[in-house]
């Protein structure tokens, strides 16, 4: 039972880390996209 519990705890932690990383990457891309489209708006 302990092994399964440790595995579950690790998996939950790992998916949390993955989720935070994905959120961070998406936010960074969104920011770059906004800056990019903003610059196009200024140019045109």
N, C-alpha and C. Protein backbone atom coordinates (compact mmCIF):
# COMPACT_ATOMS: atom_id res chain seq x y z
N UNK A 1 0.82 -1.21 0.00
CA UNK A 1 0.00 0.00 0.00
C UNK A 1 0.86 1.26 0.00
N UNK A 2 2.00 1.21 0.69
CA UNK A 2 2.85 2.40 0.81
C UNK A 2 3.43 2.78 -0.55
N UNK A 3 3.85 1.78 -1.32
CA UNK A 3 4.45 2.04 -2.63
C UNK A 3 3.46 2.77 -3.53
N UNK A 4 2.22 2.30 -3.53
CA UNK A 4 1.18 2.92 -4.36
C UNK A 4 0.94 4.35 -3.91
N UNK A 5 0.93 4.56 -2.60
CA UNK A 5 0.69 5.90 -2.05
C UNK A 5 1.82 6.84 -2.44
N UNK A 6 3.05 6.37 -2.37
CA UNK A 6 4.20 7.18 -2.76
C UNK A 6 4.13 7.51 -4.24
N UNK A 7 3.75 6.52 -5.04
CA UNK A 7 3.64 6.70 -6.48
C UNK A 7 2.58 7.74 -6.79
N UNK A 8 1.44 7.65 -6.10
CA UNK A 8 0.35 8.61 -6.30
C UNK A 8 0.80 10.02 -5.94
N UNK A 9 1.48 10.14 -4.81
CA UNK A 9 1.96 11.45 -4.35
C UNK A 9 2.94 12.03 -5.36
N UNK A 10 3.84 11.20 -5.86
CA UNK A 10 4.83 11.64 -6.85
C UNK A 10 4.13 12.06 -8.13
N UNK A 11 3.15 11.27 -8.56
CA UNK A 11 2.44 11.54 -9.80
C UNK A 11 1.67 12.85 -9.71
N UNK A 12 1.01 13.08 -8.57
CA UNK A 12 0.26 14.32 -8.36
C UNK A 12 1.21 15.51 -8.39
N UNK A 13 2.34 15.38 -7.70
CA UNK A 13 3.34 16.45 -7.66
C UNK A 13 3.88 16.72 -9.07
N UNK A 14 4.18 15.66 -9.80
CA UNK A 14 4.74 15.77 -11.14
C UNK A 14 3.76 16.46 -12.08
N UNK A 15 2.47 16.07 -12.01
CA UNK A 15 1.47 16.68 -12.88
C UNK A 15 1.26 18.14 -12.52
N UNK A 16 1.39 18.48 -11.23
CA UNK A 16 1.30 19.88 -10.80
C UNK A 16 2.44 20.69 -11.40
N UNK A 17 3.64 20.16 -11.33
CA UNK A 17 4.81 20.84 -11.89
C UNK A 17 4.64 21.03 -13.39
N UNK A 18 4.17 19.98 -14.05
CA UNK A 18 3.95 20.02 -15.48
C UNK A 18 2.92 21.08 -15.83
N UNK A 19 1.86 21.15 -15.03
CA UNK A 19 0.78 22.11 -15.26
C UNK A 19 1.29 23.54 -15.12
N UNK A 20 2.09 23.77 -14.09
CA UNK A 20 2.64 25.11 -13.86
C UNK A 20 3.57 25.49 -15.01
N UNK A 21 4.39 24.54 -15.45
CA UNK A 21 5.31 24.81 -16.56
C UNK A 21 4.54 25.14 -17.83
N UNK A 22 3.49 24.36 -18.11
CA UNK A 22 2.69 24.60 -19.31
C UNK A 22 2.02 25.96 -19.24
N UNK A 23 1.51 26.30 -18.06
CA UNK A 23 0.85 27.59 -17.88
C UNK A 23 1.84 28.72 -18.11
N UNK A 24 3.06 28.55 -17.60
CA UNK A 24 4.10 29.56 -17.73
C UNK A 24 4.50 29.74 -19.20
N UNK A 25 4.67 28.61 -19.89
CA UNK A 25 5.06 28.65 -21.31
C UNK A 25 3.96 29.31 -22.13
N UNK A 26 2.69 28.96 -21.85
CA UNK A 26 1.57 29.56 -22.57
C UNK A 26 1.52 31.05 -22.33
N UNK A 27 1.74 31.47 -21.09
CA UNK A 27 1.71 32.89 -20.76
C UNK A 27 2.81 33.64 -21.48
N UNK A 28 3.99 33.03 -21.56
CA UNK A 28 5.13 33.64 -22.24
C UNK A 28 4.82 33.79 -23.73
N UNK A 29 4.24 32.74 -24.32
CA UNK A 29 3.89 32.78 -25.74
C UNK A 29 2.82 33.82 -25.99
N UNK A 30 1.85 33.89 -25.09
CA UNK A 30 0.77 34.86 -25.21
C UNK A 30 1.33 36.27 -25.16
N UNK A 31 2.28 36.48 -24.27
CA UNK A 31 2.92 37.79 -24.10
C UNK A 31 3.67 38.17 -25.38
N UNK A 32 4.46 37.23 -25.90
CA UNK A 32 5.21 37.47 -27.13
C UNK A 32 4.26 37.75 -28.28
N UNK A 33 3.14 37.02 -28.32
CA UNK A 33 2.16 37.20 -29.38
C UNK A 33 1.53 38.58 -29.29
N UNK A 34 1.23 39.01 -28.07
CA UNK A 34 0.63 40.33 -27.86
C UNK A 34 1.61 41.43 -28.27
N UNK A 35 2.87 41.26 -27.90
CA UNK A 35 3.91 42.23 -28.26
C UNK A 35 4.04 42.26 -29.79
N UNK A 36 4.04 41.08 -30.40
CA UNK A 36 4.19 40.95 -31.85
C UNK A 36 3.02 41.63 -32.57
N UNK A 37 1.79 41.31 -32.16
CA UNK A 37 0.61 41.90 -32.81
C UNK A 37 0.53 43.38 -32.49
N UNK A 38 0.99 43.77 -31.31
CA UNK A 38 1.00 45.18 -30.93
C UNK A 38 1.94 45.97 -31.82
N UNK A 39 3.10 45.39 -32.12
CA UNK A 39 4.07 46.05 -33.00
C UNK A 39 3.52 46.19 -34.41
N UNK A 40 2.82 45.17 -34.87
CA UNK A 40 2.21 45.22 -36.21
C UNK A 40 1.17 46.35 -36.23
N UNK A 41 0.41 46.47 -35.13
CA UNK A 41 -0.59 47.53 -35.03
C UNK A 41 0.05 48.90 -35.11
N UNK A 42 1.23 49.04 -34.51
CA UNK A 42 1.94 50.32 -34.52
C UNK A 42 2.47 50.60 -35.92
N UNK A 43 3.00 49.57 -36.58
CA UNK A 43 3.61 49.74 -37.91
C UNK A 43 2.54 50.13 -38.94
N UNK A 44 1.41 49.41 -38.96
CA UNK A 44 0.39 49.63 -39.99
C UNK A 44 -0.51 50.82 -39.66
